[in-house]
Protein backbone atom coordinates (compact mmCIF):
# COMPACT_ATOMS: atom_id res chain seq x y z
CA MET A 1 -6.39 -0.34 26.85
CA SER A 2 -5.88 -3.18 24.36
CA ILE A 3 -6.95 -2.83 20.71
CA ALA A 4 -8.93 -5.84 19.45
CA VAL A 5 -7.73 -6.69 15.94
CA ALA A 6 -9.37 -8.85 13.26
CA VAL A 7 -7.01 -9.98 10.50
CA HIS A 8 -8.70 -10.50 7.11
CA GLY A 9 -6.52 -12.66 4.89
CA ALA A 10 -5.01 -14.36 7.94
CA THR A 11 -4.08 -17.56 6.10
CA GLY A 12 -1.90 -15.80 3.53
CA ARG A 13 1.80 -15.02 3.80
CA MET A 14 1.33 -11.47 5.05
CA GLY A 15 -1.70 -12.40 7.12
CA ARG A 16 0.22 -15.02 9.10
CA PHE A 17 2.98 -12.46 9.73
CA ILE A 18 0.51 -9.84 10.99
CA THR A 19 -1.28 -12.39 13.17
CA ARG A 20 2.02 -13.18 14.89
CA LEU A 21 2.77 -9.47 15.42
CA VAL A 22 -0.65 -8.90 17.00
CA ASP A 23 -0.22 -11.94 19.24
CA GLU A 24 3.16 -10.69 20.46
CA ALA A 25 2.17 -7.03 21.07
CA ASP A 26 1.23 -6.14 24.64
CA ASP A 27 -1.30 -3.51 23.58
CA LEU A 28 -3.06 -5.57 20.88
CA THR A 29 -5.41 -8.56 21.10
CA LEU A 30 -6.20 -10.96 18.25
CA HIS A 31 -9.99 -10.85 17.96
CA ALA A 32 -10.28 -13.09 14.89
CA GLY A 33 -8.33 -14.44 11.95
CA LEU A 34 -10.42 -14.55 8.77
CA SER A 35 -9.74 -16.26 5.47
CA SER A 36 -11.65 -15.58 2.27
CA ASP A 37 -14.06 -18.38 3.26
CA THR A 38 -14.67 -17.15 6.82
CA PRO A 39 -17.95 -15.32 7.49
CA LEU A 40 -17.19 -11.63 7.95
CA ALA A 41 -19.44 -11.67 11.01
CA GLU A 42 -16.51 -13.12 12.95
CA ALA A 43 -14.97 -9.63 12.83
CA ASP A 44 -17.95 -8.18 14.75
CA GLY A 45 -16.80 -6.56 17.97
CA ALA A 46 -13.24 -5.83 16.80
CA ASP A 47 -11.81 -2.34 17.14
CA VAL A 48 -9.71 -2.58 13.98
CA LEU A 49 -9.84 -4.84 10.93
CA ILE A 50 -6.59 -5.14 9.00
CA ASP A 51 -7.12 -6.47 5.49
CA VAL A 52 -4.37 -8.22 3.51
CA SER A 53 -6.43 -10.26 1.08
CA ARG A 54 -7.28 -9.79 -2.60
CA ILE A 55 -9.02 -6.76 -4.02
CA GLU A 56 -12.33 -8.56 -4.70
CA SER A 57 -12.75 -9.69 -1.09
CA SER A 58 -11.00 -6.60 0.29
CA GLU A 59 -13.74 -4.24 -0.89
CA ARG A 60 -16.42 -6.39 0.71
CA ALA A 61 -14.52 -6.68 3.99
CA VAL A 62 -13.86 -2.94 4.22
CA SER A 63 -17.51 -2.08 3.58
CA TYR A 64 -18.66 -4.65 6.13
CA ALA A 65 -16.30 -3.37 8.82
CA LEU A 66 -17.31 0.27 8.32
CA GLU A 67 -21.00 -0.62 8.52
CA ARG A 68 -20.32 -2.16 11.94
CA GLY A 69 -18.26 0.69 13.32
CA ILE A 70 -14.88 -0.99 12.90
CA ASP A 71 -11.90 1.10 11.80
CA VAL A 72 -9.83 -0.37 8.99
CA VAL A 73 -6.24 -0.77 7.83
CA VAL A 74 -5.88 -1.93 4.21
CA GLY A 75 -2.68 -3.57 2.99
CA THR A 76 -4.23 -5.15 -0.11
CA SER A 77 -2.99 -4.08 -3.55
CA GLY A 78 -5.44 -2.86 -6.17
CA TRP A 79 -7.03 0.10 -4.39
CA SER A 80 -6.98 2.46 -7.35
CA VAL A 81 -7.71 6.18 -7.21
CA GLU A 82 -11.24 5.46 -8.42
CA ARG A 83 -11.84 2.89 -5.67
CA ILE A 84 -10.45 5.23 -3.02
CA ASP A 85 -12.67 8.07 -4.27
CA ARG A 86 -15.74 5.83 -3.86
CA LEU A 87 -14.56 4.73 -0.43
CA GLU A 88 -14.24 8.33 0.78
CA GLU A 89 -17.98 8.75 0.21
CA GLU A 90 -18.70 5.53 2.12
CA VAL A 91 -16.75 6.13 5.35
CA PRO A 92 -19.13 7.10 8.17
CA SER A 93 -18.41 10.13 10.33
CA GLY A 94 -15.93 9.27 13.06
CA ARG A 95 -14.61 6.15 11.35
CA GLY A 96 -11.25 5.83 9.62
CA VAL A 97 -9.55 3.80 6.90
CA ILE A 98 -5.78 3.77 6.49
CA ILE A 99 -4.71 2.39 3.09
CA VAL A 100 -1.08 1.30 3.12
CA PRO A 101 0.55 0.39 -0.22
CA ASN A 102 3.69 -0.67 1.66
CA PHE A 103 4.28 -1.17 5.39
CA SER A 104 8.06 -0.73 5.10
CA LEU A 105 9.18 2.66 6.39
CA GLY A 106 12.15 2.57 4.01
CA SER A 107 9.80 2.06 1.08
CA VAL A 108 7.63 5.00 2.19
CA LEU A 109 10.72 7.19 2.35
CA GLY A 110 11.83 5.92 -1.09
CA THR A 111 8.49 6.98 -2.57
CA HIS A 112 8.73 10.36 -0.84
CA LEU A 113 12.24 10.96 -2.20
CA SER A 114 11.07 9.89 -5.66
CA ALA A 115 8.28 12.49 -5.56
CA VAL A 116 10.89 15.15 -4.79
CA ALA A 117 13.21 13.99 -7.58
CA GLY A 118 10.36 13.71 -10.09
CA ARG A 119 10.09 17.50 -10.26
CA PHE A 120 13.56 17.71 -11.78
CA PHE A 121 13.50 14.93 -14.41
CA ASP A 122 11.19 14.46 -17.39
CA SER A 123 12.15 10.81 -17.96
CA VAL A 124 11.07 8.37 -15.23
CA GLU A 125 10.61 4.60 -15.14
CA ILE A 126 10.04 2.09 -12.34
CA ILE A 127 11.30 -1.49 -12.09
CA GLU A 128 9.64 -3.44 -9.29
CA ALA A 129 10.30 -7.05 -8.30
CA HIS A 130 8.44 -9.35 -5.92
CA HIS A 131 8.29 -13.04 -5.11
CA ASP A 132 6.73 -15.35 -7.66
CA ARG A 133 3.59 -15.93 -5.56
CA LYS A 134 2.45 -12.30 -5.74
CA VAL A 135 -0.75 -12.41 -7.75
CA ASP A 136 -1.01 -8.80 -8.91
CA SER A 137 1.10 -6.42 -10.94
CA PRO A 138 2.16 -3.70 -10.93
CA SER A 139 2.56 -3.52 -7.19
CA GLY A 140 0.54 -1.06 -5.14
CA THR A 141 3.79 0.57 -4.07
CA ALA A 142 4.84 1.20 -7.67
CA VAL A 143 1.45 2.64 -8.55
CA ARG A 144 1.54 4.88 -5.48
CA THR A 145 5.06 6.04 -6.39
CA ALA A 146 4.03 6.96 -9.94
CA GLU A 147 0.98 8.82 -8.64
CA ARG A 148 3.06 10.73 -6.07
CA ILE A 149 5.58 11.75 -8.75
CA ALA A 150 2.79 12.93 -11.04
CA GLY A 151 1.12 14.80 -8.17
CA ALA A 152 4.35 16.57 -7.22
CA ARG A 153 4.85 17.69 -10.81
CA ALA A 154 1.28 18.93 -11.08
CA ASP A 155 1.62 20.88 -7.84
CA ALA A 156 4.76 22.52 -9.25
CA GLY A 157 2.98 23.45 -12.50
CA LEU A 158 5.13 21.09 -14.57
CA ALA A 159 4.08 19.17 -17.66
CA ALA A 160 2.75 15.66 -17.23
CA LEU A 161 5.19 12.83 -17.90
CA VAL A 162 4.89 10.85 -21.13
CA ALA A 163 6.22 7.29 -21.37
CA PRO A 164 7.81 6.76 -24.82
CA ASN A 165 6.46 3.96 -27.02
CA ASP A 166 3.82 3.03 -24.49
CA ASP A 167 1.87 1.18 -27.17
CA GLN A 168 4.44 -1.63 -27.08
CA ASP A 169 3.55 -4.53 -24.76
CA ALA A 170 7.12 -4.91 -23.53
CA ARG A 171 7.08 -1.36 -22.16
CA GLY A 172 5.04 -2.48 -19.15
CA SER A 173 2.08 -0.78 -17.51
CA VAL A 174 1.88 3.00 -17.62
CA VAL A 175 0.61 4.97 -14.61
CA ASP A 176 0.46 8.76 -14.92
CA GLY A 177 3.06 8.71 -17.69
CA VAL A 178 5.48 6.45 -15.78
CA ALA A 179 6.26 3.03 -17.26
CA ILE A 180 6.29 0.31 -14.59
CA HIS A 181 8.06 -2.99 -15.25
CA SER A 182 7.11 -5.90 -12.98
CA VAL A 183 9.35 -8.87 -12.19
CA ARG A 184 7.99 -11.91 -10.31
CA LEU A 185 10.93 -14.04 -9.25
CA ARG A 186 11.51 -16.79 -6.72
CA GLY A 187 13.87 -15.70 -3.95
CA VAL A 188 12.85 -12.03 -4.05
CA VAL A 189 10.86 -10.41 -1.24
CA ALA A 190 10.38 -6.90 -2.67
CA ASP A 191 12.62 -4.54 -4.61
CA GLN A 192 11.79 -1.23 -6.29
CA GLN A 193 14.04 1.01 -8.39
CA VAL A 194 12.85 4.38 -9.62
CA LEU A 195 15.07 5.59 -12.45
CA PHE A 196 15.29 9.26 -13.38
CA GLY A 197 17.02 10.09 -16.67
CA GLY A 198 18.58 13.45 -17.45
CA THR A 199 21.15 14.83 -19.85
CA GLY A 200 24.35 12.92 -19.16
CA GLU A 201 23.10 11.37 -15.90
CA VAL A 202 20.78 8.82 -14.31
CA LEU A 203 19.51 8.98 -10.74
CA SER A 204 18.28 5.80 -9.05
CA VAL A 205 16.17 5.66 -5.89
CA ARG A 206 16.12 2.03 -4.78
CA HIS A 207 14.58 0.24 -1.85
CA GLU A 208 15.04 -3.48 -1.24
CA THR A 209 13.16 -5.52 1.33
CA ILE A 210 15.35 -8.34 2.62
CA THR A 211 12.89 -10.02 5.00
CA GLN A 212 9.29 -9.52 6.13
CA SER A 213 10.57 -8.03 9.37
CA ALA A 214 10.90 -4.74 7.44
CA TYR A 215 7.09 -4.43 7.61
CA GLU A 216 6.81 -4.80 11.39
CA ARG A 217 7.07 -1.15 12.44
CA GLY A 218 4.66 0.03 9.73
CA VAL A 219 2.04 -2.64 10.49
CA LEU A 220 2.00 -1.84 14.20
CA MET A 221 2.03 1.91 13.53
CA ALA A 222 -1.01 1.67 11.24
CA ILE A 223 -3.02 -0.56 13.59
CA ARG A 224 -2.34 1.69 16.57
CA ALA A 225 -3.26 4.81 14.59
CA ALA A 226 -6.51 3.41 13.14
CA PRO A 227 -8.83 3.99 16.15
CA ASP A 228 -8.04 7.72 16.06
CA ALA A 229 -8.16 8.07 12.26
CA THR A 230 -11.06 9.73 10.45
CA GLY A 231 -11.88 9.54 6.76
CA VAL A 232 -9.43 7.93 4.34
CA THR A 233 -5.67 8.17 4.78
CA VAL A 234 -3.43 6.82 2.01
CA GLY A 235 0.08 5.74 2.94
CA LEU A 236 2.10 5.95 6.12
CA ASP A 237 3.36 9.38 5.03
CA ALA A 238 1.03 11.32 7.29
CA LEU A 239 1.83 9.08 10.26
CA LEU A 240 5.53 9.77 9.69
CA GLY A 241 5.03 13.52 9.29
CA LEU A 242 6.04 13.54 5.59
């Protein structure tokens, strides 16, 4: 049985990529491609809405889809812990939302490995780079990585991280005690380095996206999993058994 997919943000860089993937997949059907100016009613009747827009329109699209019994995959940055907490109260019984900070399986594994390493180092910083057309910073992946590191430390009963001199503008954003430095540079697709400093050593967990094709497996995995999802799932971790 084919899954009917509506793509919200279809005119953007990632939206065009996802639209092509849906068109080429034998088990998926493109129900509608929506831009920020397209009436959301065009998504009516879809099985899954995948949203890769901006946070302002993303929240509206997700709420609309859930009200109409459409399961959702979110690839838009900006879904903070507070927004996700509110969303968990909004999801109707039997419906599911999968929020994916990064569709690259390598990136998901990099974040997972960083959460493991974060238990053993008290000095952690993230440098993330994306193309110069990315409108938000820090990236959703970097925020998710910092949150996962902090969560792993809390679960282990360890002290929270503290970013030194975080009152200085040049230190970047700070998420859960981890300083995040954002680079927006032409020619880059996506690159994240998580640096762990210890006495006499530095550990680096780095993931670099070379082309958009790195997102293909994760996009298709999330869309195919959405009709069976319930509640809110954050990240591809659970789908990968991590």
